[in-house]
């Protein structure tokens, strides 16, 4: 049976606790998982992804830092 929007709003907050993360170490574990996955990539691809997606550099800035063309950075990020 479907619930209406009004019925969904009537649920007490105590019933929603299973929706929230309970693990305080989830951020550290996620960072570890990300690092482990990045380490499996070729170095140029890893550098491009690190610069653009993690460090927040523009494609031009990442190209300058990594010593590759802007096109190469875009391709490496896309394929990674």
Protein backbone atom coordinates (compact mmCIF):
# COMPACT_ATOMS: atom_id res chain seq x y z
CA UNK A 1 0.00 0.00 0.00
CA UNK A 2 1.33 3.46 -0.85
CA UNK A 3 1.86 6.13 1.74
CA UNK A 4 1.03 9.71 1.07
CA UNK A 5 3.39 12.59 1.68
CA UNK A 6 1.47 13.51 4.83
CA UNK A 7 1.82 10.00 6.23
CA UNK A 8 5.57 10.00 5.62
CA UNK A 9 5.92 13.26 7.55
CA UNK A 10 4.15 11.76 10.56
CA UNK A 11 6.99 9.31 11.30
CA UNK A 12 8.80 10.10 14.57
CA UNK A 13 12.47 11.04 14.26
CA UNK A 14 13.45 8.13 16.51
CA UNK A 15 12.35 5.75 13.77
CA UNK A 16 14.77 7.33 11.30
CA UNK A 17 17.97 6.49 13.20
CA UNK A 18 18.75 3.55 10.92
CA UNK A 19 19.13 6.04 8.06
CA UNK A 20 22.10 7.75 9.67
CA UNK A 21 25.66 6.47 9.66
CA UNK A 22 26.80 5.13 13.00
CA UNK A 23 30.49 4.74 12.22
CA UNK A 24 32.71 7.68 13.19
CA UNK A 25 35.59 6.28 11.10
CA UNK A 26 33.74 6.27 7.79
CA UNK A 27 35.60 9.35 6.49
CA UNK A 28 39.00 7.83 7.22
CA UNK A 29 37.98 4.54 5.66
CA UNK A 30 36.70 6.31 2.55
CA UNK A 31 39.96 8.22 2.20
CA UNK A 32 41.90 4.97 2.59
CA UNK A 33 39.73 3.24 -0.04
CA UNK A 34 40.14 6.16 -2.43
CA UNK A 35 43.93 6.17 -2.00
CA UNK A 36 44.07 2.40 -2.52
CA UNK A 37 42.05 2.65 -5.73
CA UNK A 38 44.06 5.59 -7.05
CA UNK A 39 47.28 3.68 -6.41
CA UNK A 40 46.12 1.05 -8.91
CA UNK A 41 45.99 3.58 -11.76
CA UNK A 42 48.90 4.54 -14.01
CA UNK A 43 50.85 7.48 -12.56
CA UNK A 44 49.85 10.08 -15.18
CA UNK A 45 46.18 9.18 -14.82
CA UNK A 46 46.44 9.24 -11.03
CA UNK A 47 48.14 12.66 -11.08
CA UNK A 48 45.49 14.14 -13.38
CA UNK A 49 42.63 12.85 -11.25
CA UNK A 50 44.32 14.01 -8.05
CA UNK A 51 44.81 17.53 -9.40
CA UNK A 52 41.38 18.02 -10.99
CA UNK A 53 38.99 16.02 -8.85
CA UNK A 54 40.63 16.07 -5.42
CA UNK A 55 42.74 19.24 -5.35
CA UNK A 56 40.16 21.20 -7.36
CA UNK A 57 42.56 22.59 -9.96
CA UNK A 58 41.37 23.67 -13.38
CA UNK A 59 42.35 21.54 -16.35
CA UNK A 60 44.92 24.17 -17.39
CA UNK A 61 46.43 24.27 -13.89
CA UNK A 62 46.53 20.47 -13.71
CA UNK A 63 48.20 20.30 -17.13
CA UNK A 64 50.87 22.73 -16.01
CA UNK A 65 51.48 20.88 -12.74
CA UNK A 66 51.53 17.41 -14.34
CA UNK A 67 53.57 18.39 -17.37
CA UNK A 68 51.00 17.26 -19.92
CA UNK A 69 48.62 18.90 -22.36
CA UNK A 70 45.12 19.99 -21.36
CA UNK A 71 43.72 17.34 -23.69
CA UNK A 72 45.79 14.65 -21.99
CA UNK A 73 44.50 15.75 -18.58
CA UNK A 74 40.90 15.60 -19.81
CA UNK A 75 41.41 12.14 -21.31
CA UNK A 76 43.13 10.78 -18.21
CA UNK A 77 40.42 12.10 -15.90
CA UNK A 78 37.70 10.71 -18.15
CA UNK A 79 39.29 7.28 -18.47
CA UNK A 80 40.23 7.06 -14.80
